[in-house]
Protein backbone atom coordinates (compact mmCIF):
# COMPACT_ATOMS: atom_id res chain seq x y z
CA MET A 1 122.14 112.94 91.12
CA GLN A 2 120.37 115.77 89.35
CA LEU A 3 116.63 116.28 89.49
CA THR A 4 114.68 118.56 87.21
CA ARG A 5 111.21 119.20 88.59
CA HIS A 6 108.17 120.64 86.87
CA ASN A 7 104.81 121.28 88.54
CA SER A 8 105.95 119.23 91.55
CA LYS A 9 106.44 116.20 89.33
CA VAL A 10 109.84 114.68 88.60
CA LYS A 11 110.23 114.77 84.84
CA THR A 12 113.85 113.72 84.45
CA ILE A 13 116.51 112.31 86.71
CA ASP A 14 120.13 111.76 85.75
CA CYS A 15 121.56 108.86 87.74
CA SER A 16 125.12 109.07 89.00
CA HIS A 17 127.14 106.62 91.05
CA TYR A 18 127.26 107.03 94.81
CA ILE A 19 130.68 106.18 96.21
CA ASN A 20 131.99 106.98 99.69
CA GLY A 21 129.17 109.41 100.43
CA GLU A 22 129.34 111.39 97.18
CA PHE A 23 127.57 111.32 93.83
CA VAL A 24 130.21 110.88 91.12
CA GLN A 25 130.33 110.31 87.39
CA SER A 26 132.22 107.63 85.50
CA LYS A 27 135.85 108.29 84.64
CA SER A 28 135.10 107.11 81.11
CA GLY A 29 132.29 109.60 80.65
CA GLU A 30 130.08 106.83 79.26
CA THR A 31 126.32 107.03 79.81
CA PHE A 32 123.12 105.58 78.41
CA GLU A 33 119.56 106.87 78.15
CA ASN A 34 116.86 105.75 80.55
CA ILE A 35 113.60 105.20 78.66
CA ASN A 36 110.04 105.47 79.98
CA PRO A 37 108.41 102.23 78.71
CA ALA A 38 104.92 103.76 78.85
CA THR A 39 105.75 106.62 76.48
CA LYS A 40 109.17 105.80 74.94
CA ALA A 41 110.35 109.20 76.20
CA VAL A 42 113.84 109.72 77.60
CA LEU A 43 113.78 110.12 81.37
CA GLY A 44 117.44 111.00 81.75
CA THR A 45 120.94 109.63 81.48
CA VAL A 46 122.60 106.93 83.55
CA GLN A 47 126.32 106.57 84.23
CA ILE A 48 128.05 103.38 83.09
CA GLY A 49 130.37 102.19 85.79
CA GLY A 50 133.45 100.17 84.96
CA LYS A 51 136.12 98.31 86.89
CA GLU A 52 137.54 101.59 88.19
CA GLU A 53 134.24 102.70 89.76
CA VAL A 54 133.68 99.24 91.24
CA ASP A 55 137.19 99.24 92.71
CA LEU A 56 136.59 102.61 94.32
CA ALA A 57 133.22 101.50 95.72
CA VAL A 58 134.64 98.25 97.15
CA LYS A 59 137.59 100.11 98.66
CA ALA A 60 135.23 102.60 100.32
CA ALA A 61 133.06 99.76 101.64
CA ARG A 62 136.07 97.86 102.97
CA LYS A 63 137.35 100.95 104.79
CA ALA A 64 133.89 101.70 106.27
CA LEU A 65 133.75 98.17 107.72
CA LYS A 66 136.55 99.13 110.10
CA GLY A 67 135.15 102.58 110.83
CA GLU A 68 132.22 103.96 112.78
CA TRP A 69 129.72 101.45 111.33
CA GLY A 70 131.69 98.45 112.52
CA SER A 71 131.87 99.63 116.12
CA MET A 72 128.43 101.27 116.31
CA PRO A 73 126.22 100.05 119.19
CA LEU A 74 123.38 97.80 118.03
CA LYS A 75 120.68 100.19 119.27
CA LYS A 76 122.05 103.13 117.32
CA ARG A 77 122.40 101.09 114.14
CA SER A 78 118.81 99.88 114.58
CA GLN A 79 117.60 103.48 114.94
CA ILE A 80 119.35 104.48 111.70
CA ILE A 81 117.82 101.54 109.82
CA ARG A 82 114.36 102.44 111.13
CA LYS A 83 114.92 106.06 110.09
CA ILE A 84 115.55 104.94 106.52
CA GLY A 85 112.08 103.36 106.49
CA ASP A 86 110.55 106.52 107.94
CA LEU A 87 112.16 108.71 105.26
CA ILE A 88 111.00 106.38 102.50
CA LEU A 89 107.41 106.86 103.67
CA GLU A 90 107.92 110.64 103.83
CA ARG A 91 108.92 110.56 100.16
CA LEU A 92 106.38 107.92 99.14
CA ASP A 93 104.73 110.00 96.42
CA GLU A 94 108.02 110.97 94.83
CA LEU A 95 109.40 107.43 94.93
CA ALA A 96 106.19 105.92 93.58
CA HIS A 97 106.22 108.44 90.74
CA LEU A 98 109.79 107.52 89.82
CA GLU A 99 109.08 103.79 90.10
CA SER A 100 106.09 104.09 87.82
CA LEU A 101 108.07 106.12 85.27
CA ASP A 102 110.89 103.60 85.28
CA THR A 103 108.87 100.37 85.21
CA GLY A 104 105.61 101.28 83.49
CA LYS A 105 103.58 99.87 86.39
CA PRO A 106 100.41 101.60 87.66
CA ILE A 107 101.29 104.28 90.19
CA TRP A 108 98.67 103.02 92.67
CA LEU A 109 100.53 99.71 92.72
CA ALA A 110 103.88 101.42 93.28
CA LYS A 111 102.42 103.29 96.24
CA LYS A 112 100.53 100.39 97.78
CA VAL A 113 103.11 97.66 97.29
CA ASP A 114 106.55 98.75 96.13
CA ILE A 115 107.25 101.78 98.28
CA ASP A 116 105.21 100.81 101.31
CA ARG A 117 106.81 97.38 101.52
CA ALA A 118 110.26 98.85 100.94
CA ALA A 119 109.83 100.99 104.05
CA ASN A 120 108.49 98.00 105.96
CA ASN A 121 111.64 96.01 105.15
CA PHE A 122 113.70 98.54 107.09
CA HIS A 123 111.21 98.76 109.93
CA PHE A 124 111.08 94.97 110.23
CA PHE A 125 114.83 94.38 110.32
CA ALA A 126 115.40 97.38 112.61
CA ASP A 127 113.35 95.50 115.19
CA TYR A 128 114.33 91.96 114.28
CA MET A 129 118.08 92.59 114.54
CA THR A 130 117.71 93.48 118.20
CA THR A 131 116.04 90.15 119.04
CA THR A 132 118.47 87.80 117.31
CA THR A 133 120.02 85.32 119.72
CA ASN A 134 123.15 83.20 119.51
CA GLU A 135 123.82 79.66 120.63
CA SER A 136 125.48 78.73 123.90
CA TYR A 137 126.08 75.32 125.48
CA GLN A 138 127.55 74.26 128.78
CA GLN A 139 129.56 71.07 128.52
CA ASP A 140 129.20 69.71 132.07
CA ASP A 141 131.89 71.36 134.20
CA ILE A 142 134.43 71.23 131.38
CA ALA A 143 133.65 74.26 129.18
CA ILE A 144 131.14 76.80 127.94
CA HIS A 145 130.67 77.08 124.18
CA TYR A 146 129.06 80.20 122.74
CA SER A 147 128.78 81.84 119.32
CA VAL A 148 129.55 85.41 118.27
CA ARG A 149 128.05 87.00 115.16
CA LYS A 150 130.16 89.11 112.84
CA PRO A 151 129.38 90.83 109.53
CA VAL A 152 130.11 88.86 106.37
CA GLY A 153 131.97 91.94 105.13
CA VAL A 154 131.49 93.73 101.83
CA VAL A 155 128.33 92.48 100.11
CA GLY A 156 127.42 92.96 96.46
CA LEU A 157 123.69 93.50 95.92
CA ILE A 158 122.51 92.98 92.35
CA ASN A 159 118.83 93.59 91.80
CA PRO A 160 116.16 93.20 89.11
CA TRP A 161 113.83 95.63 87.40
CA ASN A 162 110.37 94.31 88.24
CA LEU A 163 110.13 95.53 91.87
CA PRO A 164 113.26 97.70 91.95
CA LEU A 165 113.09 99.44 95.33
CA LEU A 166 111.19 96.68 97.11
CA LEU A 167 113.64 93.92 96.20
CA LEU A 168 116.69 96.12 96.75
CA THR A 169 115.60 96.98 100.28
CA TRP A 170 114.73 93.33 100.95
CA LYS A 171 118.49 92.74 100.75
CA LEU A 172 119.89 96.06 101.91
CA ALA A 173 117.96 96.17 105.20
CA PRO A 174 119.24 92.83 106.58
CA ALA A 175 122.71 93.50 105.17
CA LEU A 176 122.89 96.72 107.20
CA ALA A 177 121.31 94.99 110.20
CA GLY A 178 124.18 92.51 110.11
CA GLY A 179 126.74 95.31 110.21
CA ASN A 180 127.90 94.88 106.60
CA THR A 181 128.85 97.43 104.00
CA VAL A 182 127.52 97.13 100.47
CA VAL A 183 128.09 97.82 96.81
CA MET A 184 124.77 97.90 94.96
CA LYS A 185 124.01 97.61 91.27
CA PRO A 186 120.38 98.18 90.30
CA SER A 187 119.04 97.07 86.95
CA GLU A 188 120.06 99.40 84.15
CA VAL A 189 116.38 99.44 83.12
CA THR A 190 115.17 100.89 86.45
CA PRO A 191 117.92 103.00 88.06
CA MET A 192 116.04 105.92 89.59
CA THR A 193 114.68 104.83 92.98
CA ALA A 194 118.02 103.27 93.95
CA THR A 195 119.63 106.64 93.30
CA VAL A 196 117.15 108.37 95.59
CA LEU A 197 117.52 105.61 98.20
CA VAL A 198 121.20 106.32 98.81
CA GLU A 199 120.33 109.99 99.36
CA ILE A 200 117.77 108.85 101.96
CA CYS A 201 120.31 106.58 103.66
CA LYS A 202 122.77 109.43 104.02
CA GLU A 203 120.07 111.63 105.52
CA ALA A 204 119.18 108.85 107.96
CA GLY A 205 122.72 108.83 109.30
CA VAL A 206 124.42 105.98 107.47
CA PRO A 207 128.17 106.79 107.50
CA ASP A 208 129.95 107.44 104.22
CA GLY A 209 131.26 104.32 102.53
CA VAL A 210 128.77 101.95 104.11
CA ILE A 211 126.43 102.09 101.10
CA ASN A 212 127.82 102.48 97.59
CA LEU A 213 125.93 102.46 94.30
CA VAL A 214 127.43 101.74 90.89
CA HIS A 215 125.19 102.00 87.83
CA GLY A 216 125.89 100.19 84.62
CA LEU A 217 125.31 97.21 82.38
CA GLY A 218 126.20 93.54 82.64
CA GLU A 219 129.92 94.24 82.69
CA THR A 220 129.44 96.36 85.82
CA GLY A 221 127.70 93.52 87.61
CA ALA A 222 130.44 91.13 86.51
CA ALA A 223 133.08 93.42 87.99
CA ILE A 224 131.28 93.26 91.34
CA THR A 225 130.67 89.51 91.36
CA SER A 226 134.27 88.68 90.45
CA HIS A 227 135.92 91.26 92.74
CA GLU A 228 138.31 89.59 95.17
CA ASP A 229 137.39 91.98 98.01
CA VAL A 230 133.64 91.35 97.81
CA ASP A 231 132.76 88.71 100.37
CA ALA A 232 129.19 87.81 99.40
CA ILE A 233 126.70 88.31 96.58
CA ALA A 234 122.91 88.57 96.96
CA PHE A 235 121.13 88.43 93.62
CA THR A 236 117.55 88.38 92.40
CA GLY A 237 116.97 87.84 88.71
CA GLU A 238 117.06 85.37 85.85
CA THR A 239 118.38 81.85 86.31
CA THR A 240 120.89 82.25 83.46
CA THR A 241 122.39 85.33 85.12
CA GLY A 242 122.58 83.44 88.41
CA THR A 243 124.62 80.75 86.67
CA ALA A 244 127.04 83.38 85.33
CA ILE A 245 127.39 84.96 88.78
CA MET A 246 128.08 81.58 90.34
CA LYS A 247 130.93 81.00 87.90
CA ALA A 248 132.37 84.48 88.48
CA ALA A 249 132.18 84.10 92.25
CA ALA A 250 133.68 80.60 92.36
CA PRO A 251 137.40 81.53 92.35
CA THR A 252 137.00 83.61 95.52
CA LEU A 253 134.46 81.29 97.18
CA LYS A 254 131.97 84.07 97.86
CA LYS A 255 128.88 83.43 99.93
CA LEU A 256 125.85 83.40 97.59
CA SER A 257 122.12 84.05 97.96
CA PHE A 258 120.03 83.67 94.80
CA GLU A 259 116.31 84.20 94.18
CA LEU A 260 115.91 83.22 90.55
CA GLY A 261 113.22 82.45 88.01
CA GLY A 262 109.95 80.66 88.41
CA LYS A 263 107.22 78.95 86.40
CA ASN A 264 104.79 78.76 89.24
CA PRO A 265 101.73 76.48 89.22
CA ASN A 266 98.28 77.51 90.42
CA ILE A 267 96.31 74.33 91.22
CA ILE A 268 92.54 74.68 91.52
CA PHE A 269 90.56 71.70 92.84
CA ALA A 270 86.84 71.30 92.21
CA ASP A 271 85.90 72.03 95.82
CA ALA A 272 87.62 75.43 95.84
CA ASP A 273 85.74 78.65 96.54
CA LEU A 274 85.57 80.01 92.98
CA ASP A 275 84.83 83.56 94.08
CA ASP A 276 88.13 83.67 95.98
CA VAL A 277 89.89 81.80 93.20
CA ILE A 278 88.90 84.24 90.46
CA GLU A 279 89.69 87.36 92.48
CA THR A 280 93.13 86.14 93.54
CA THR A 281 94.06 84.48 90.25
CA LEU A 282 93.49 87.79 88.44
CA LYS A 283 96.19 89.24 90.70
CA SER A 284 98.56 86.28 90.56
CA SER A 285 98.31 86.29 86.76
CA PHE A 286 98.34 89.93 85.74
CA ILE A 287 99.42 92.22 88.60
CA ASN A 288 102.54 94.22 87.72
CA GLN A 289 101.96 93.13 84.09
CA GLY A 290 102.80 89.58 85.13
CA GLU A 291 106.35 90.73 85.87
CA VAL A 292 106.55 89.08 89.29
CA CYS A 293 108.73 86.05 89.97
CA LEU A 294 105.89 84.57 92.06
CA CYS A 295 103.13 84.96 89.45
CA GLY A 296 101.07 81.82 88.87
CA SER A 297 101.57 81.45 85.14
CA ARG A 298 100.68 77.72 84.92
CA ILE A 299 97.03 77.30 85.91
CA TYR A 300 95.73 73.77 86.45
CA VAL A 301 91.96 73.38 86.94
CA GLN A 302 90.14 70.18 87.88
CA ARG A 303 87.94 69.13 84.97
CA GLN A 304 84.61 69.33 86.87
CA ILE A 305 84.94 73.13 87.12
CA TYR A 306 87.25 73.79 84.14
CA ASP A 307 84.63 75.38 81.87
CA GLU A 308 83.05 77.45 84.65
CA PHE A 309 86.46 78.70 85.77
CA LEU A 310 87.42 79.74 82.25
CA ASP A 311 84.13 81.56 81.64
CA ARG A 312 84.44 83.54 84.85
CA PHE A 313 88.19 84.10 84.62
CA VAL A 314 88.08 85.39 81.05
CA ASP A 315 85.09 87.62 81.82
CA ALA A 316 86.89 89.14 84.81
CA ALA A 317 90.16 89.62 82.91
CA LYS A 318 88.36 91.45 80.11
CA LYS A 319 87.52 94.19 82.60
CA LEU A 320 91.17 94.91 83.44
CA LYS A 321 92.09 98.28 82.00
CA VAL A 322 95.41 98.44 80.16
CA GLY A 323 97.00 101.83 79.70
CA ASP A 324 98.54 104.93 81.25
CA PRO A 325 100.27 104.02 84.53
CA PHE A 326 99.16 107.35 86.01
CA ASP A 327 95.47 106.73 85.34
CA PRO A 328 93.98 105.51 88.64
CA GLU A 329 91.72 103.10 86.71
CA THR A 330 94.63 101.32 85.03
CA LYS A 331 95.24 97.77 86.23
CA VAL A 332 97.87 96.70 83.69
CA GLY A 333 100.61 99.12 82.65
CA ALA A 334 103.48 98.89 80.18
CA MET A 335 106.12 96.20 79.91
CA VAL A 336 109.37 97.37 81.46
CA SER A 337 111.40 97.74 78.28
CA GLU A 338 111.38 97.20 74.54
CA GLU A 339 113.68 94.19 74.92
CA HIS A 340 111.40 92.48 77.41
CA TYR A 341 108.31 93.43 75.43
CA ASN A 342 109.81 91.68 72.40
CA LYS A 343 110.59 88.60 74.49
CA VAL A 344 106.98 88.30 75.72
CA VAL A 345 105.63 88.88 72.21
CA SER A 346 107.89 86.09 70.95
CA TYR A 347 106.30 83.66 73.41
CA ILE A 348 102.83 84.70 72.27
CA ASN A 349 103.90 83.88 68.73
CA ILE A 350 105.28 80.54 69.90
CA ALA A 351 101.93 79.71 71.52
CA LYS A 352 100.18 80.49 68.23
CA GLU A 353 102.58 78.21 66.36
CA GLU A 354 101.99 75.47 68.93
CA GLY A 355 98.25 75.60 68.33
CA GLY A 356 97.23 77.49 71.47
CA ASN A 357 93.65 78.68 71.80
CA PHE A 358 93.61 82.35 72.80
CA LEU A 359 90.54 83.00 74.94
CA LEU A 360 91.77 86.53 75.60
CA GLY A 361 94.58 88.75 74.45
CA GLY A 362 97.56 87.76 72.38
CA LYS A 363 97.76 91.31 71.08
CA THR A 364 99.91 94.37 71.62
CA LEU A 365 98.40 97.80 72.26
CA PHE A 366 99.31 101.47 71.79
CA GLU A 367 102.46 100.58 69.85
CA ASP A 368 103.04 104.22 68.92
CA LYS A 369 103.11 105.19 72.61
CA GLY A 370 104.77 102.42 74.58
CA PHE A 371 105.22 98.72 75.24
CA TYR A 372 101.79 97.37 76.12
CA ILE A 373 100.46 93.80 75.93
CA GLU A 374 96.90 92.67 76.63
CA PRO A 375 96.26 90.18 79.43
CA THR A 376 96.47 86.86 77.62
CA ILE A 377 94.79 83.55 78.53
CA ILE A 378 95.75 80.48 76.49
CA THR A 379 94.30 76.96 76.49
CA GLY A 380 94.88 73.93 74.30
CA LEU A 381 98.64 73.63 74.83
CA GLY A 382 100.31 70.38 75.82
CA THR A 383 102.42 69.87 78.91
CA ASP A 384 105.56 69.90 76.74
CA SER A 385 104.76 73.32 75.23
CA ARG A 386 107.48 75.93 75.66
CA CYS A 387 104.87 78.39 76.91
CA VAL A 388 103.89 75.94 79.63
CA ARG A 389 107.46 75.09 80.59
CA GLU A 390 109.46 78.32 80.18
CA GLU A 391 109.28 81.55 82.17
CA ILE A 392 107.56 84.26 80.10
CA PHE A 393 107.40 86.94 82.81
CA GLY A 394 104.53 88.85 81.31
CA PRO A 395 100.70 89.02 81.37
CA VAL A 396 100.42 85.59 79.79
CA VAL A 397 98.99 82.45 81.44
CA THR A 398 98.22 78.95 80.24
CA VAL A 399 95.27 76.95 81.60
CA LEU A 400 95.23 73.15 81.57
CA PRO A 401 92.59 70.69 82.87
CA PHE A 402 93.34 67.76 85.16
CA ASP A 403 91.38 64.86 86.62
CA THR A 404 93.23 63.45 89.60
CA GLU A 405 95.49 64.70 92.37
CA GLU A 406 98.23 62.29 91.30
CA GLU A 407 98.07 63.45 87.69
CA VAL A 408 98.38 67.15 88.46
CA LEU A 409 101.12 66.64 91.05
CA GLU A 410 103.27 64.99 88.39
CA GLN A 411 102.71 67.93 86.01
CA VAL A 412 103.30 70.51 88.73
CA ASN A 413 106.70 69.02 89.61
CA ASP A 414 107.75 68.38 86.01
CA THR A 415 109.87 71.53 85.78
CA HIS A 416 113.38 72.78 86.45
CA TYR A 417 111.88 75.57 88.54
CA GLY A 418 110.73 75.40 92.15
CA LEU A 419 109.94 78.87 93.46
CA SER A 420 106.28 78.96 94.54
CA ALA A 421 102.85 77.44 94.05
CA SER A 422 99.23 78.14 95.00
CA VAL A 423 96.78 75.38 95.96
CA TRP A 424 93.03 75.98 96.04
CA THR A 425 90.87 73.53 97.99
CA THR A 426 88.56 73.54 101.02
CA ASP A 427 89.75 70.06 101.99
CA VAL A 428 92.29 70.69 104.76
CA LYS A 429 93.74 67.17 104.60
CA ARG A 430 94.25 67.45 100.84
CA ALA A 431 95.79 70.91 101.26
CA ALA A 432 98.36 69.62 103.74
CA ARG A 433 99.06 66.41 101.85
CA PHE A 434 99.37 68.01 98.41
CA SER A 435 101.36 71.07 99.50
CA ALA A 436 103.98 68.93 101.20
CA GLN A 437 104.65 67.09 97.92
CA ILE A 438 105.13 70.18 95.75
CA GLU A 439 108.77 70.83 94.87
CA ALA A 440 108.78 74.55 95.61
CA GLY A 441 110.20 76.82 98.26
CA MET A 442 106.86 78.49 99.02
CA VAL A 443 103.32 77.15 98.80
CA TRP A 444 100.21 79.25 99.42
CA VAL A 445 96.90 77.56 100.21
CA ASN A 446 93.77 79.52 99.25
CA THR A 447 95.78 82.72 98.87
CA TRP A 448 98.77 84.21 97.04
CA PHE A 449 101.66 86.51 97.97
CA LEU A 450 100.64 86.63 101.63
CA ARG A 451 103.90 87.29 103.44
CA ASP A 452 105.24 87.30 106.97
CA LEU A 453 108.81 88.61 106.86
CA ARG A 454 109.91 86.09 109.48
CA THR A 455 109.24 83.12 107.20
CA PRO A 456 111.70 81.58 104.70
CA PHE A 457 111.52 83.15 101.23
CA GLY A 458 113.20 81.51 98.25
CA GLY A 459 113.16 78.63 95.82
CA MET A 460 114.66 75.23 95.08
CA LYS A 461 116.02 73.61 91.94
CA HIS A 462 116.75 76.30 89.32
CA SER A 463 114.78 78.90 91.29
CA GLY A 464 117.43 79.78 93.81
CA ILE A 465 119.98 79.07 96.47
CA GLY A 466 119.27 79.72 100.13
CA ARG A 467 116.42 81.53 101.85
CA GLU A 468 115.72 85.12 102.87
CA GLY A 469 113.55 86.50 105.67
CA GLY A 470 113.90 86.67 109.44
CA THR A 471 116.68 84.52 110.82
CA HIS A 472 117.47 83.20 107.35
CA SER A 473 118.55 86.69 106.22
CA ILE A 474 120.50 87.26 109.42
CA ASP A 475 122.31 83.95 108.94
CA PHE A 476 123.32 84.89 105.40
CA TYR A 477 124.55 88.37 106.23
CA THR A 478 126.56 87.31 109.27
CA GLU A 479 129.29 84.80 110.06
CA LEU A 480 129.41 82.81 113.28
CA THR A 481 132.50 82.31 115.41
CA ASN A 482 132.26 79.67 118.07
CA VAL A 483 134.17 80.43 121.27
CA THR A 484 135.03 77.62 123.67
CA LEU A 485 135.85 78.77 127.21
CA LYS A 486 137.48 76.02 129.27
CA LEU A 487 136.31 76.07 132.88
């Protein structure tokens, strides 16, 4: 990794692989340019890893499993994991700067959410791993049965571009807590903070070979997911990519954990507190440019308050400043890449063709500078509209009216996705009744994105396989051996 600094700000960073404790370049010499989506400027070059680099990384991880890391006392491993979190906080400004450059998100958001929560992931699992218990049963005077936890082995971590460091650490921290070694591939669109993270891990005392990083494109990820010596894959990203990974992993029967796409409903009943609704719906619609898998992009509003909600929601959204990620007043930054920008624009065009009524937005901004799209609020689309049914992953929401609880429940569940939902009502009985019938892995009532890291995180249907968080993460990153001791 090479950093060129100017006036205490990181201007460029060339991202190399990290294999067996050393930064190395690809044997092929192939690289690609990393582009700042807010300015279209080149941030640096990124190595393209191939099968050879993946083989070396897996071999280093396999060897490290049997080394110091595998026999390290639990307390010492916990201290190292906690130290990683401490060092992330020490470098918060630098990491937030890099994250904002890579993603186009406002730097205040990177500091408050991405980097802070990344550190907290390590702090949480450093503590949680020391409290995990195993089962034991006494079978009368015949035998004692007890379980022993072991690492899964070498784990491939493949991560997305929307919350690069946060979502990488959400997998890396429990993987290390379980005693595993890893081969990581960050998104090619956002490679920088992962490159700094491995430097931090080494400083914290993680032995060489335990954490390996291979940059690259889709072929690099495919080499990891199909590798016969990789025991498990944890992936966050698009549903179509998850399908491809599942196929690649099938011949070797790898353990899989997927957090995939979402088309999350936000259901607002007439008795909801509209002040809370508007404030939170602004976040769930447009924070991080709408590039959050949990964003509530399908908004259903009971007809009695439909017009009032729209008036207030549109008025509030108009005040969101779009622009320079380093301006403290900016609320909506740039889309992460030209490719994704074009995808979101294509959905806006689809909504226009389908007869959508644009109450706000539908336009691009600052095209000579970067990839910016206005917050966009669309009404007038039918339930079969592509923009209502398909994941857009941008600052674009559709709003539909409903009359009855039964009617909206049918619409909410009429999707291949099942990641999350938000329900707004002051009727506790309705909240409990309605939430239990939603086909989603996570339901928030009168809030959004409120997390306790002990709770299950993940989706159903096409939104994922398995759950993360607390004991669910520990279960994925470990294997259980049952021992029967005859008395």
